[in-house]
């Protein structure tokens, strides 16, 4: 079985409401949500442009999954976690490794 195991997944689901409440004040503000959504849309467009060749090489159904993986891997939340647990250079290297791994899953 690959990670997350069922108990890990359950723990992540259990803690999600607390994390959303403490980390995401935009839940209380329409303006902050719109700003967040705009920023996420810009980031998504940039990923689609930067990795256009990689997306083009994917079957239609996998493109959305690859984009979601890249969005998650390159998100502030992922970076914040890496920076909390690593120095900046290690964080960059880990993020690069995750991106490379995602892109490698679609290669023949």
PDB file of N, CA and C in Angstrom:
ATOM      1  N   UNK A   1       0.848  -1.184   0.000  1.00  0.00           N
ATOM      2  CA  UNK A   1       0.000   0.000   0.000  1.00  0.00           C
ATOM      3  C   UNK A   1       0.890   1.242   0.000  1.00  0.00           C
ATOM      4  N   UNK A   2       0.523   2.248  -0.762  1.00  0.00           N
ATOM      5  CA  UNK A   2       1.290   3.481  -0.813  1.00  0.00           C
ATOM      6  C   UNK A   2       0.761   4.471   0.219  1.00  0.00           C
ATOM      7  N   UNK A   3       1.591   5.435   0.522  1.00  0.00           N
ATOM      8  CA  UNK A   3       1.161   6.484   1.435  1.00  0.00           C
ATOM      9  C   UNK A   3       0.200   7.399   0.700  1.00  0.00           C
ATOM     10  N   UNK A   4      -0.807   7.963   1.296  1.00  0.00           N
ATOM     11  CA  UNK A   4      -1.119   7.809   2.710  1.00  0.00           C
ATOM     12  C   UNK A   4      -1.884   6.517   2.988  1.00  0.00           C
ATOM     13  N   UNK A   5      -1.559   5.909   4.122  1.00  0.00           N
ATOM     14  CA  UNK A   5      -2.323   4.761   4.581  1.00  0.00           C
ATOM     15  C   UNK A   5      -3.684   5.265   5.049  1.00  0.00           C
ATOM     16  N   UNK A   6      -4.616   4.369   5.196  1.00  0.00           N
ATOM     17  CA  UNK A   6      -5.970   4.767   5.576  1.00  0.00           C
ATOM     18  C   UNK A   6      -5.972   5.568   6.880  1.00  0.00           C
ATOM     19  N   UNK A   7      -5.194   5.131   7.875  1.00  0.00           N
ATOM     20  CA  UNK A   7      -5.184   5.857   9.150  1.00  0.00           C
ATOM     21  C   UNK A   7      -4.547   7.243   9.003  1.00  0.00           C
ATOM     22  N   UNK A   8      -3.546   7.366   8.120  1.00  0.00           N
ATOM     23  CA  UNK A   8      -2.948   8.680   7.864  1.00  0.00           C
ATOM     24  C   UNK A   8      -3.961   9.591   7.179  1.00  0.00           C
ATOM     25  N   UNK A   9      -4.646   9.037   6.205  1.00  0.00           N
ATOM     26  CA  UNK A   9      -5.661   9.797   5.495  1.00  0.00           C
ATOM     27  C   UNK A   9      -6.753  10.249   6.459  1.00  0.00           C
ATOM     28  N   UNK A  10      -7.182   9.352   7.340  1.00  0.00           N
ATOM     29  CA  UNK A  10      -8.205   9.711   8.327  1.00  0.00           C
ATOM     30  C   UNK A  10      -7.718  10.830   9.244  1.00  0.00           C
ATOM     31  N   UNK A  11      -6.461  10.762   9.663  1.00  0.00           N
ATOM     32  CA  UNK A  11      -5.907  11.806  10.537  1.00  0.00           C
ATOM     33  C   UNK A  11      -5.854  13.149   9.812  1.00  0.00           C
ATOM     34  N   UNK A  12      -5.449  13.128   8.541  1.00  0.00           N
ATOM     35  CA  UNK A  12      -5.410  14.369   7.761  1.00  0.00           C
ATOM     36  C   UNK A  12      -6.810  14.952   7.596  1.00  0.00           C
ATOM     37  N   UNK A  13      -7.768  14.098   7.353  1.00  0.00           N
ATOM     38  CA  UNK A  13      -9.145  14.570   7.227  1.00  0.00           C
ATOM     39  C   UNK A  13      -9.660  15.133   8.552  1.00  0.00           C
ATOM     40  N   UNK A  14      -9.304  14.490   9.653  1.00  0.00           N
ATOM     41  CA  UNK A  14      -9.754  14.920  10.965  1.00  0.00           C
ATOM     42  C   UNK A  14      -9.218  16.310  11.309  1.00  0.00           C
ATOM     43  N   UNK A  15      -7.966  16.575  10.943  1.00  0.00           N
ATOM     44  CA  UNK A  15      -7.347  17.846  11.315  1.00  0.00           C
ATOM     45  C   UNK A  15      -7.671  18.978  10.343  1.00  0.00           C
ATOM     46  N   UNK A  16      -8.219  18.652   9.180  1.00  0.00           N
ATOM     47  CA  UNK A  16      -8.479  19.665   8.164  1.00  0.00           C
ATOM     48  C   UNK A  16      -9.313  20.844   8.660  1.00  0.00           C
ATOM     49  N   UNK A  17     -10.429  20.636   9.354  1.00  0.00           N
ATOM     50  CA  UNK A  17     -11.201  21.805   9.804  1.00  0.00           C
ATOM     51  C   UNK A  17     -10.391  22.763  10.690  1.00  0.00           C
ATOM     52  N   UNK A  18      -9.584  22.214  11.572  1.00  0.00           N
ATOM     53  CA  UNK A  18      -8.761  23.063  12.432  1.00  0.00           C
ATOM     54  C   UNK A  18      -7.758  23.852  11.603  1.00  0.00           C
ATOM     55  N   UNK A  19      -7.080  23.176  10.665  1.00  0.00           N
ATOM     56  CA  UNK A  19      -6.091  23.852   9.823  1.00  0.00           C
ATOM     57  C   UNK A  19      -6.742  24.943   8.987  1.00  0.00           C
ATOM     58  N   UNK A  20      -7.913  24.648   8.429  1.00  0.00           N
ATOM     59  CA  UNK A  20      -8.599  25.644   7.610  1.00  0.00           C
ATOM     60  C   UNK A  20      -9.000  26.854   8.439  1.00  0.00           C
ATOM     61  N   UNK A  21      -9.390  26.615   9.657  1.00  0.00           N
ATOM     62  CA  UNK A  21      -9.791  27.712  10.529  1.00  0.00           C
ATOM     63  C   UNK A  21      -8.606  28.578  10.934  1.00  0.00           C
ATOM     64  N   UNK A  22      -7.471  27.952  11.190  1.00  0.00           N
ATOM     65  CA  UNK A  22      -6.330  28.715  11.685  1.00  0.00           C
ATOM     66  C   UNK A  22      -5.420  29.246  10.589  1.00  0.00           C
ATOM     67  N   UNK A  23      -5.417  28.607   9.433  1.00  0.00           N
ATOM     68  CA  UNK A  23      -4.485  29.001   8.374  1.00  0.00           C
ATOM     69  C   UNK A  23      -5.182  29.802   7.284  1.00  0.00           C
ATOM     70  N   UNK A  24      -6.471  29.710   7.183  1.00  0.00           N
ATOM     71  CA  UNK A  24      -7.177  30.312   6.065  1.00  0.00           C
ATOM     72  C   UNK A  24      -8.218  31.340   6.497  1.00  0.00           C
ATOM     73  N   UNK A  25      -7.776  32.525   6.865  1.00  0.00           N
ATOM     74  CA  UNK A  25      -8.761  33.544   7.261  1.00  0.00           C
ATOM     75  C   UNK A  25      -9.643  33.994   6.104  1.00  0.00           C
ATOM     76  N   UNK A  26      -9.279  33.648   4.862  1.00  0.00           N
ATOM     77  CA  UNK A  26     -10.120  34.043   3.742  1.00  0.00           C
ATOM     78  C   UNK A  26     -11.498  33.406   3.793  1.00  0.00           C
ATOM     79  N   UNK A  27     -11.662  32.386   4.629  1.00  0.00           N
ATOM     80  CA  UNK A  27     -12.994  31.794   4.774  1.00  0.00           C
ATOM     81  C   UNK A  27     -13.992  32.823   5.292  1.00  0.00           C
ATOM     82  N   UNK A  28     -13.504  33.844   5.962  1.00  0.00           N
ATOM     83  CA  UNK A  28     -14.377  34.852   6.555  1.00  0.00           C
ATOM     84  C   UNK A  28     -14.589  36.055   5.655  1.00  0.00           C
ATOM     85  N   UNK A  29     -13.930  36.082   4.511  1.00  0.00           N
ATOM     86  CA  UNK A  29     -13.961  37.289   3.700  1.00  0.00           C
ATOM     87  C   UNK A  29     -14.137  36.959   2.216  1.00  0.00           C
ATOM     88  N   UNK A  30     -15.196  37.490   1.630  1.00  0.00           N
ATOM     89  CA  UNK A  30     -15.411  37.303   0.198  1.00  0.00           C
ATOM     90  C   UNK A  30     -14.263  37.911  -0.607  1.00  0.00           C
ATOM     91  N   UNK A  31     -13.801  39.066  -0.186  1.00  0.00           N
ATOM     92  CA  UNK A  31     -12.717  39.741  -0.912  1.00  0.00           C
ATOM     93  C   UNK A  31     -11.436  38.902  -0.869  1.00  0.00           C
ATOM     94  N   UNK A  32     -11.099  38.369   0.295  1.00  0.00           N
ATOM     95  CA  UNK A  32      -9.908  37.530   0.391  1.00  0.00           C
ATOM     96  C   UNK A  32     -10.053  36.254  -0.435  1.00  0.00           C
ATOM     97  N   UNK A  33     -11.249  35.680  -0.461  1.00  0.00           N
ATOM     98  CA  UNK A  33     -11.478  34.477  -1.285  1.00  0.00           C
ATOM     99  C   UNK A  33     -11.304  34.799  -2.762  1.00  0.00           C
ATOM    100  N   UNK A  34     -11.828  35.940  -3.189  1.00  0.00           N
ATOM    101  CA  UNK A  34     -11.671  36.331  -4.599  1.00  0.00           C
ATOM    102  C   UNK A  34     -10.195  36.540  -4.928  1.00  0.00           C
ATOM    103  N   UNK A  35      -9.472  37.181  -4.027  1.00  0.00           N
ATOM    104  CA  UNK A  35      -8.033  37.388  -4.243  1.00  0.00           C
ATOM    105  C   UNK A  35      -7.301  36.050  -4.316  1.00  0.00           C
ATOM    106  N   UNK A  36      -7.632  35.133  -3.412  1.00  0.00           N
ATOM    107  CA  UNK A  36      -7.028  33.801  -3.419  1.00  0.00           C
ATOM    108  C   UNK A  36      -7.325  33.085  -4.721  1.00  0.00           C
ATOM    109  N   UNK A  37      -8.584  33.121  -5.139  1.00  0.00           N
ATOM    110  CA  UNK A  37      -8.977  32.433  -6.363  1.00  0.00           C
ATOM    111  C   UNK A  37      -8.295  33.032  -7.590  1.00  0.00           C
ATOM    112  N   UNK A  38      -8.147  34.344  -7.605  1.00  0.00           N
ATOM    113  CA  UNK A  38      -7.433  35.007  -8.707  1.00  0.00           C
ATOM    114  C   UNK A  38      -5.979  34.576  -8.733  1.00  0.00           C
ATOM    115  N   UNK A  39      -5.338  34.570  -7.561  1.00  0.00           N
ATOM    116  CA  UNK A  39      -3.933  34.164  -7.488  1.00  0.00           C
ATOM    117  C   UNK A  39      -3.761  32.706  -7.914  1.00  0.00           C
ATOM    118  N   UNK A  40      -4.676  31.838  -7.488  1.00  0.00           N
ATOM    119  CA  UNK A  40      -4.597  30.432  -7.890  1.00  0.00           C
ATOM    120  C   UNK A  40      -4.803  30.277  -9.395  1.00  0.00           C
ATOM    121  N   UNK A  41      -5.682  31.077  -9.961  1.00  0.00           N
ATOM    122  CA  UNK A  41      -5.909  31.034 -11.406  1.00  0.00           C
ATOM    123  C   UNK A  41      -4.679  31.475 -12.182  1.00  0.00           C
ATOM    124  N   UNK A  42      -4.015  32.516 -11.704  1.00  0.00           N
ATOM    125  CA  UNK A  42      -2.776  32.976 -12.342  1.00  0.00           C
ATOM    126  C   UNK A  42      -1.708  31.899 -12.247  1.00  0.00           C
ATOM    127  N   UNK A  43      -1.560  31.308 -11.079  1.00  0.00           N
ATOM    128  CA  UNK A  43      -0.560  30.243 -10.892  1.00  0.00           C
ATOM    129  C   UNK A  43      -0.862  29.054 -11.801  1.00  0.00           C
ATOM    130  N   UNK A  44      -2.133  28.699 -11.926  1.00  0.00           N
ATOM    131  CA  UNK A  44      -2.535  27.584 -12.791  1.00  0.00           C
ATOM    132  C   UNK A  44      -2.181  27.889 -14.245  1.00  0.00           C
ATOM    133  N   UNK A  45      -2.473  29.110 -14.679  1.00  0.00           N
ATOM    134  CA  UNK A  45      -2.146  29.504 -16.056  1.00  0.00           C
ATOM    135  C   UNK A  45      -0.646  29.458 -16.305  1.00  0.00           C
ATOM    136  N   UNK A  46       0.125  29.886 -15.324  1.00  0.00           N
ATOM    137  CA  UNK A  46       1.586  29.836 -15.463  1.00  0.00           C
ATOM    138  C   UNK A  46       2.075  28.399 -15.566  1.00  0.00           C
ATOM    139  N   UNK A  47       1.530  27.511 -14.749  1.00  0.00           N
ATOM    140  CA  UNK A  47       1.911  26.101 -14.830  1.00  0.00           C
ATOM    141  C   UNK A  47       1.556  25.526 -16.199  1.00  0.00           C
ATOM    142  N   UNK A  48       0.377  25.855 -16.692  1.00  0.00           N
ATOM    143  CA  UNK A  48      -0.036  25.354 -18.002  1.00  0.00           C
ATOM    144  C   UNK A  48       0.897  25.846 -19.102  1.00  0.00           C
ATOM    145  N   UNK A  49       1.384  27.076 -18.977  1.00  0.00           N
ATOM    146  CA  UNK A  49       2.302  27.618 -19.981  1.00  0.00           C
ATOM    147  C   UNK A  49       3.694  27.001 -19.856  1.00  0.00           C
ATOM    148  N   UNK A  50       4.206  26.934 -18.645  1.00  0.00           N
ATOM    149  CA  UNK A  50       5.563  26.414 -18.421  1.00  0.00           C
ATOM    150  C   UNK A  50       5.667  24.942 -18.821  1.00  0.00           C
ATOM    151  N   UNK A  51       4.627  24.172 -18.515  1.00  0.00           N
ATOM    152  CA  UNK A  51       4.659  22.735 -18.773  1.00  0.00           C
ATOM    153  C   UNK A  51       3.764  22.339 -19.952  1.00  0.00           C
ATOM    154  N   UNK A  52       3.583  23.240 -20.907  1.00  0.00           N
ATOM    155  CA  UNK A  52       2.701  22.988 -22.051  1.00  0.00           C
ATOM    156  C   UNK A  52       3.100  21.722 -22.803  1.00  0.00           C
ATOM    157  N   UNK A  53       4.379  21.526 -23.040  1.00  0.00           N
ATOM    158  CA  UNK A  53       4.831  20.336 -23.784  1.00  0.00           C
ATOM    159  C   UNK A  53       4.530  19.068 -23.004  1.00  0.00           C
ATOM    160  N   UNK A  54       4.748  19.109 -21.697  1.00  0.00           N
ATOM    161  CA  UNK A  54       4.476  17.931 -20.864  1.00  0.00           C
ATOM    162  C   UNK A  54       2.985  17.612 -20.831  1.00  0.00           C
ATOM    163  N   UNK A  55       2.150  18.654 -20.771  1.00  0.00           N
ATOM    164  CA  UNK A  55       0.703  18.424 -20.786  1.00  0.00           C
ATOM    165  C   UNK A  55       0.262  17.863 -22.134  1.00  0.00           C
ATOM    166  N   UNK A  56       0.831  18.390 -23.199  1.00  0.00           N
ATOM    167  CA  UNK A  56       0.458  17.934 -24.542  1.00  0.00           C
ATOM    168  C   UNK A  56       0.777  16.456 -24.741  1.00  0.00           C
ATOM    169  N   UNK A  57       1.796  15.968 -24.068  1.00  0.00           N
ATOM    170  CA  UNK A  57       2.204  14.572 -24.214  1.00  0.00           C
ATOM    171  C   UNK A  57       1.336  13.615 -23.394  1.00  0.00           C
ATOM    172  N   UNK A  58       0.457  14.162 -22.577  1.00  0.00           N
ATOM    173  CA  UNK A  58      -0.386  13.337 -21.713  1.00  0.00           C
ATOM    174  C   UNK A  58      -1.701  12.989 -22.391  1.00  0.00           C
ATOM    175  N   UNK A  59      -2.244  11.821 -22.094  1.00  0.00           N
ATOM    176  CA  UNK A  59      -3.616  11.547 -22.538  1.00  0.00           C
ATOM    177  C   UNK A  59      -4.561  12.553 -21.873  1.00  0.00           C
ATOM    178  N   UNK A  60      -5.643  12.861 -22.532  1.00  0.00           N
ATOM    179  CA  UNK A  60      -6.588  13.878 -22.059  1.00  0.00           C
ATOM    180  C   UNK A  60      -6.940  13.730 -20.580  1.00  0.00           C
ATOM    181  N   UNK A  61      -7.271  12.532 -20.141  1.00  0.00           N
ATOM    182  CA  UNK A  61      -7.694  12.314 -18.765  1.00  0.00           C
ATOM    183  C   UNK A  61      -6.614  12.547 -17.726  1.00  0.00           C
ATOM    184  N   UNK A  62      -5.351  12.420 -18.118  1.00  0.00           N
ATOM    185  CA  UNK A  62      -4.248  12.594 -17.158  1.00  0.00           C
ATOM    186  C   UNK A  62      -3.807  14.045 -17.045  1.00  0.00           C
ATOM    187  N   UNK A  63      -4.142  14.872 -18.008  1.00  0.00           N
ATOM    188  CA  UNK A  63      -3.699  16.276 -17.964  1.00  0.00           C
ATOM    189  C   UNK A  63      -4.209  16.978 -16.720  1.00  0.00           C
ATOM    190  N   UNK A  64      -5.481  16.794 -16.425  1.00  0.00           N
ATOM    191  CA  UNK A  64      -6.062  17.446 -15.250  1.00  0.00           C
ATOM    192  C   UNK A  64      -5.409  16.930 -13.964  1.00  0.00           C
ATOM    193  N   UNK A  65      -5.107  15.642 -13.925  1.00  0.00           N
ATOM    194  CA  UNK A  65      -4.456  15.079 -12.738  1.00  0.00           C
ATOM    195  C   UNK A  65      -3.038  15.616 -12.584  1.00  0.00           C
ATOM    196  N   UNK A  66      -2.308  15.696 -13.691  1.00  0.00           N
ATOM    197  CA  UNK A  66      -0.956  16.245 -13.637  1.00  0.00           C
ATOM    198  C   UNK A  66      -0.991  17.704 -13.199  1.00  0.00           C
ATOM    199  N   UNK A  67      -1.920  18.478 -13.745  1.00  0.00           N
ATOM    200  CA  UNK A  67      -2.046  19.878 -13.346  1.00  0.00           C
ATOM    201  C   UNK A  67      -2.363  19.989 -11.858  1.00  0.00           C
ATOM    202  N   UNK A  68      -3.273  19.169 -11.363  1.00  0.00           N
ATOM    203  CA  UNK A  68      -3.616  19.202  -9.933  1.00  0.00           C
ATOM    204  C   UNK A  68      -2.402  18.845  -9.080  1.00  0.00           C
ATOM    205  N   UNK A  69      -1.630  17.860  -9.520  1.00  0.00           N
ATOM    206  CA  UNK A  69      -0.412  17.496  -8.790  1.00  0.00           C
ATOM    207  C   UNK A  69       0.601  18.623  -8.776  1.00  0.00           C
ATOM    208  N   UNK A  70       0.777  19.265  -9.914  1.00  0.00           N
ATOM    209  CA  UNK A  70       1.725  20.382  -9.979  1.00  0.00           C
ATOM    210  C   UNK A  70       1.235  21.579  -9.173  1.00  0.00           C
ATOM    211  N   UNK A  71      -0.066  21.837  -9.210  1.00  0.00           N
ATOM    212  CA  UNK A  71      -0.625  22.923  -8.400  1.00  0.00           C
ATOM    213  C   UNK A  71      -0.357  22.680  -6.915  1.00  0.00           C
ATOM    214  N   UNK A  72      -0.572  21.462  -6.481  1.00  0.00           N
ATOM    215  CA  UNK A  72      -0.367  21.115  -5.076  1.00  0.00           C
ATOM    216  C   UNK A  72       1.110  21.185  -4.706  1.00  0.00           C
ATOM    217  N   UNK A  73       1.951  20.603  -5.547  1.00  0.00           N
ATOM    218  CA  UNK A  73       3.392  20.561  -5.284  1.00  0.00           C
ATOM    219  C   UNK A  73       4.005  21.950  -5.229  1.00  0.00           C
ATOM    220  N   UNK A  74       3.510  22.854  -6.055  1.00  0.00           N
ATOM    221  CA  UNK A  74       4.081  24.198  -6.115  1.00  0.00           C
ATOM    222  C   UNK A  74       3.284  25.208  -5.290  1.00  0.00           C
ATOM    223  N   UNK A  75       2.358  24.738  -4.489  1.00  0.00           N
ATOM    224  CA  UNK A  75       1.515  25.638  -3.699  1.00  0.00           C
ATOM    225  C   UNK A  75       2.283  26.283  -2.547  1.00  0.00           C
ATOM    226  N   UNK A  76       1.718  27.376  -2.058  1.00  0.00           N
ATOM    227  CA  UNK A  76       2.294  28.018  -0.887  1.00  0.00           C
ATOM    228  C   UNK A  76       2.293  27.064   0.296  1.00  0.00           C
ATOM    229  N   UNK A  77       1.230  26.316   0.429  1.00  0.00           N
ATOM    230  CA  UNK A  77       1.139  25.400   1.559  1.00  0.00           C
ATOM    231  C   UNK A  77       2.281  24.386   1.551  1.00  0.00           C
ATOM    232  N   UNK A  78       2.594  23.851   0.369  1.00  0.00           N
ATOM    233  CA  UNK A  78       3.701  22.901   0.267  1.00  0.00           C
ATOM    234  C   UNK A  78       5.024  23.600   0.580  1.00  0.00           C
ATOM    235  N   UNK A  79       5.198  24.790   0.009  1.00  0.00           N
ATOM    236  CA  UNK A  79       6.429  25.536   0.266  1.00  0.00           C
ATOM    237  C   UNK A  79       6.563  25.888   1.743  1.00  0.00           C
ATOM    238  N   UNK A  80       5.493  26.357   2.340  1.00  0.00           N
ATOM    239  CA  UNK A  80       5.516  26.723   3.755  1.00  0.00           C
ATOM    240  C   UNK A  80       5.917  25.520   4.606  1.00  0.00           C
ATOM    241  N   UNK A  81       5.353  24.372   4.310  1.00  0.00           N
ATOM    242  CA  UNK A  81       5.722  23.164   5.052  1.00  0.00           C
ATOM    243  C   UNK A  81       7.211  22.854   4.872  1.00  0.00           C
ATOM    244  N   UNK A  82       7.680  22.910   3.636  1.00  0.00           N
ATOM    245  CA  UNK A  82       9.098  22.622   3.391  1.00  0.00           C
ATOM    246  C   UNK A  82       9.997  23.622   4.112  1.00  0.00           C
ATOM    247  N   UNK A  83       9.617  24.880   4.086  1.00  0.00           N
ATOM    248  CA  UNK A  83      10.439  25.910   4.741  1.00  0.00           C
ATOM    249  C   UNK A  83      10.403  25.781   6.255  1.00  0.00           C
ATOM    250  N   UNK A  84       9.340  25.246   6.769  1.00  0.00           N
ATOM    251  CA  UNK A  84       9.242  25.038   8.208  1.00  0.00           C
ATOM    252  C   UNK A  84      10.124  23.875   8.644  1.00  0.00           C
ATOM    253  N   UNK A  85      10.335  22.923   7.740  1.00  0.00           N
ATOM    254  CA  UNK A  85      11.068  21.709   8.094  1.00  0.00           C
ATOM    255  C   UNK A  85      12.451  21.618   7.464  1.00  0.00           C
ATOM    256  N   UNK A  86      12.787  22.513   6.541  1.00  0.00           N
ATOM    257  CA  UNK A  86      14.066  22.469   5.826  1.00  0.00           C
ATOM    258  C   UNK A  86      14.616  23.873   5.654  1.00  0.00           C
ATOM    259  N   UNK A  87      15.897  23.950   5.258  1.00  0.00           N
ATOM    260  CA  UNK A  87      16.449  25.256   4.902  1.00  0.00           C
ATOM    261  C   UNK A  87      16.012  25.586   3.477  1.00  0.00           C
ATOM    262  N   UNK A  88      16.178  26.832   3.033  1.00  0.00           N
ATOM    263  CA  UNK A  88      15.665  27.218   1.707  1.00  0.00           C
ATOM    264  C   UNK A  88      16.195  26.359   0.556  1.00  0.00           C
ATOM    265  N   UNK A  89      17.460  26.027   0.554  1.00  0.00           N
ATOM    266  CA  UNK A  89      18.019  25.227  -0.538  1.00  0.00           C
ATOM    267  C   UNK A  89      17.451  23.811  -0.536  1.00  0.00           C
ATOM    268  N   UNK A  90      17.331  23.211   0.624  1.00  0.00           N
ATOM    269  CA  UNK A  90      16.725  21.878   0.700  1.00  0.00           C
ATOM    270  C   UNK A  90      15.263  21.930   0.267  1.00  0.00           C
ATOM    271  N   UNK A  91      14.562  22.967   0.669  1.00  0.00           N
ATOM    272  CA  UNK A  91      13.166  23.115   0.268  1.00  0.00           C
ATOM    273  C   UNK A  91      13.056  23.193  -1.250  1.00  0.00           C
ATOM    274  N   UNK A  92      13.920  23.965  -1.885  1.00  0.00           N
ATOM    275  CA  UNK A  92      13.920  24.077  -3.337  1.00  0.00           C
ATOM    276  C   UNK A  92      14.200  22.730  -3.982  1.00  0.00           C
ATOM    277  N   UNK A  93      15.175  22.012  -3.436  1.00  0.00           N
ATOM    278  CA  UNK A  93      15.532  20.709  -3.992  1.00  0.00           C
ATOM    279  C   UNK A  93      14.386  19.700  -3.859  1.00  0.00           C
ATOM    280  N   UNK A  94      13.722  19.718  -2.716  1.00  0.00           N
ATOM    281  CA  UNK A  94      12.595  18.805  -2.518  1.00  0.00           C
ATOM    282  C   UNK A  94      11.476  19.142  -3.497  1.00  0.00           C
ATOM    283  N   UNK A  95      11.180  20.438  -3.649  1.00  0.00           N
ATOM    284  CA  UNK A  95      10.127  20.827  -4.575  1.00  0.00           C
ATOM    285  C   UNK A  95      10.492  20.406  -6.005  1.00  0.00           C
ATOM    286  N   UNK A  96      11.746  20.605  -6.390  1.00  0.00           N
ATOM    287  CA  UNK A  96      12.194  20.187  -7.724  1.00  0.00           C
ATOM    288  C   UNK A  96      12.045  18.677  -7.895  1.00  0.00           C
ATOM    289  N   UNK A  97      12.412  17.931  -6.877  1.00  0.00           N
ATOM    290  CA  UNK A  97      12.287  16.474  -6.928  1.00  0.00           C
ATOM    291  C   UNK A  97      10.823  16.052  -7.106  1.00  0.00           C
ATOM    292  N   UNK A  98       9.925  16.705  -6.381  1.00  0.00           N
ATOM    293  CA  UNK A  98       8.502  16.370  -6.507  1.00  0.00           C
ATOM    294  C   UNK A  98       7.982  16.687  -7.903  1.00  0.00           C
ATOM    295  N   UNK A  99       8.395  17.815  -8.463  1.00  0.00           N
ATOM    296  CA  UNK A  99       7.975  18.183  -9.817  1.00  0.00           C
ATOM    297  C   UNK A  99       8.509  17.171 -10.822  1.00  0.00           C
ATOM    298  N   UNK A 100       9.783  16.823 -10.692  1.00  0.00           N
ATOM    299  CA  UNK A 100      10.393  15.834 -11.595  1.00  0.00           C
ATOM    300  C   UNK A 100       9.660  14.495 -11.503  1.00  0.00           C
ATOM    301  N   UNK A 101       9.301  14.087 -10.305  1.00  0.00           N
ATOM    302  CA  UNK A 101       8.595  12.818 -10.124  1.00  0.00           C
ATOM    303  C   UNK A 101       7.226  12.859 -10.789  1.00  0.00           C
ATOM    304  N   UNK A 102       6.512  13.960 -10.631  1.00  0.00           N
ATOM    305  CA  UNK A 102       5.203  14.081 -11.289  1.00  0.00           C
ATOM    306  C   UNK A 102       5.341  14.007 -12.800  1.00  0.00           C
ATOM    307  N   UNK A 103       6.305  14.728 -13.328  1.00  0.00           N
ATOM    308  CA  UNK A 103       6.481  14.746 -14.781  1.00  0.00           C
ATOM    309  C   UNK A 103       6.932  13.379 -15.286  1.00  0.00           C
ATOM    310  N   UNK A 104       7.706  12.671 -14.499  1.00  0.00           N
ATOM    311  CA  UNK A 104       8.197  11.349 -14.913  1.00  0.00           C
ATOM    312  C   UNK A 104       7.077  10.316 -14.992  1.00  0.00           C
ATOM    313  N   UNK A 105       6.021  10.499 -14.234  1.00  0.00           N
ATOM    314  CA  UNK A 105       4.920   9.507 -14.253  1.00  0.00           C
ATOM    315  C   UNK A 105       4.220   9.455 -15.588  1.00  0.00           C
ATOM    316  N   UNK A 106       4.327  10.513 -16.374  1.00  0.00           N
ATOM    317  CA  UNK A 106       3.653  10.541 -17.658  1.00  0.00           C
ATOM    318  C   UNK A 106       4.540  10.178 -18.825  1.00  0.00           C
ATOM    319  N   UNK A 107       5.791   9.923 -18.555  1.00  0.00           N
ATOM    320  CA  UNK A 107       6.707   9.578 -19.650  1.00  0.00           C
ATOM    321  C   UNK A 107       6.557   8.123 -20.022  1.00  0.00           C
ATOM    322  N   UNK A 108       6.739   7.835 -21.311  1.00  0.00           N
ATOM    323  CA  UNK A 108       6.660   6.415 -21.731  1.00  0.00           C
ATOM    324  C   UNK A 108       7.803   5.590 -21.184  1.00  0.00           C
TER     325      UNK A 108
END
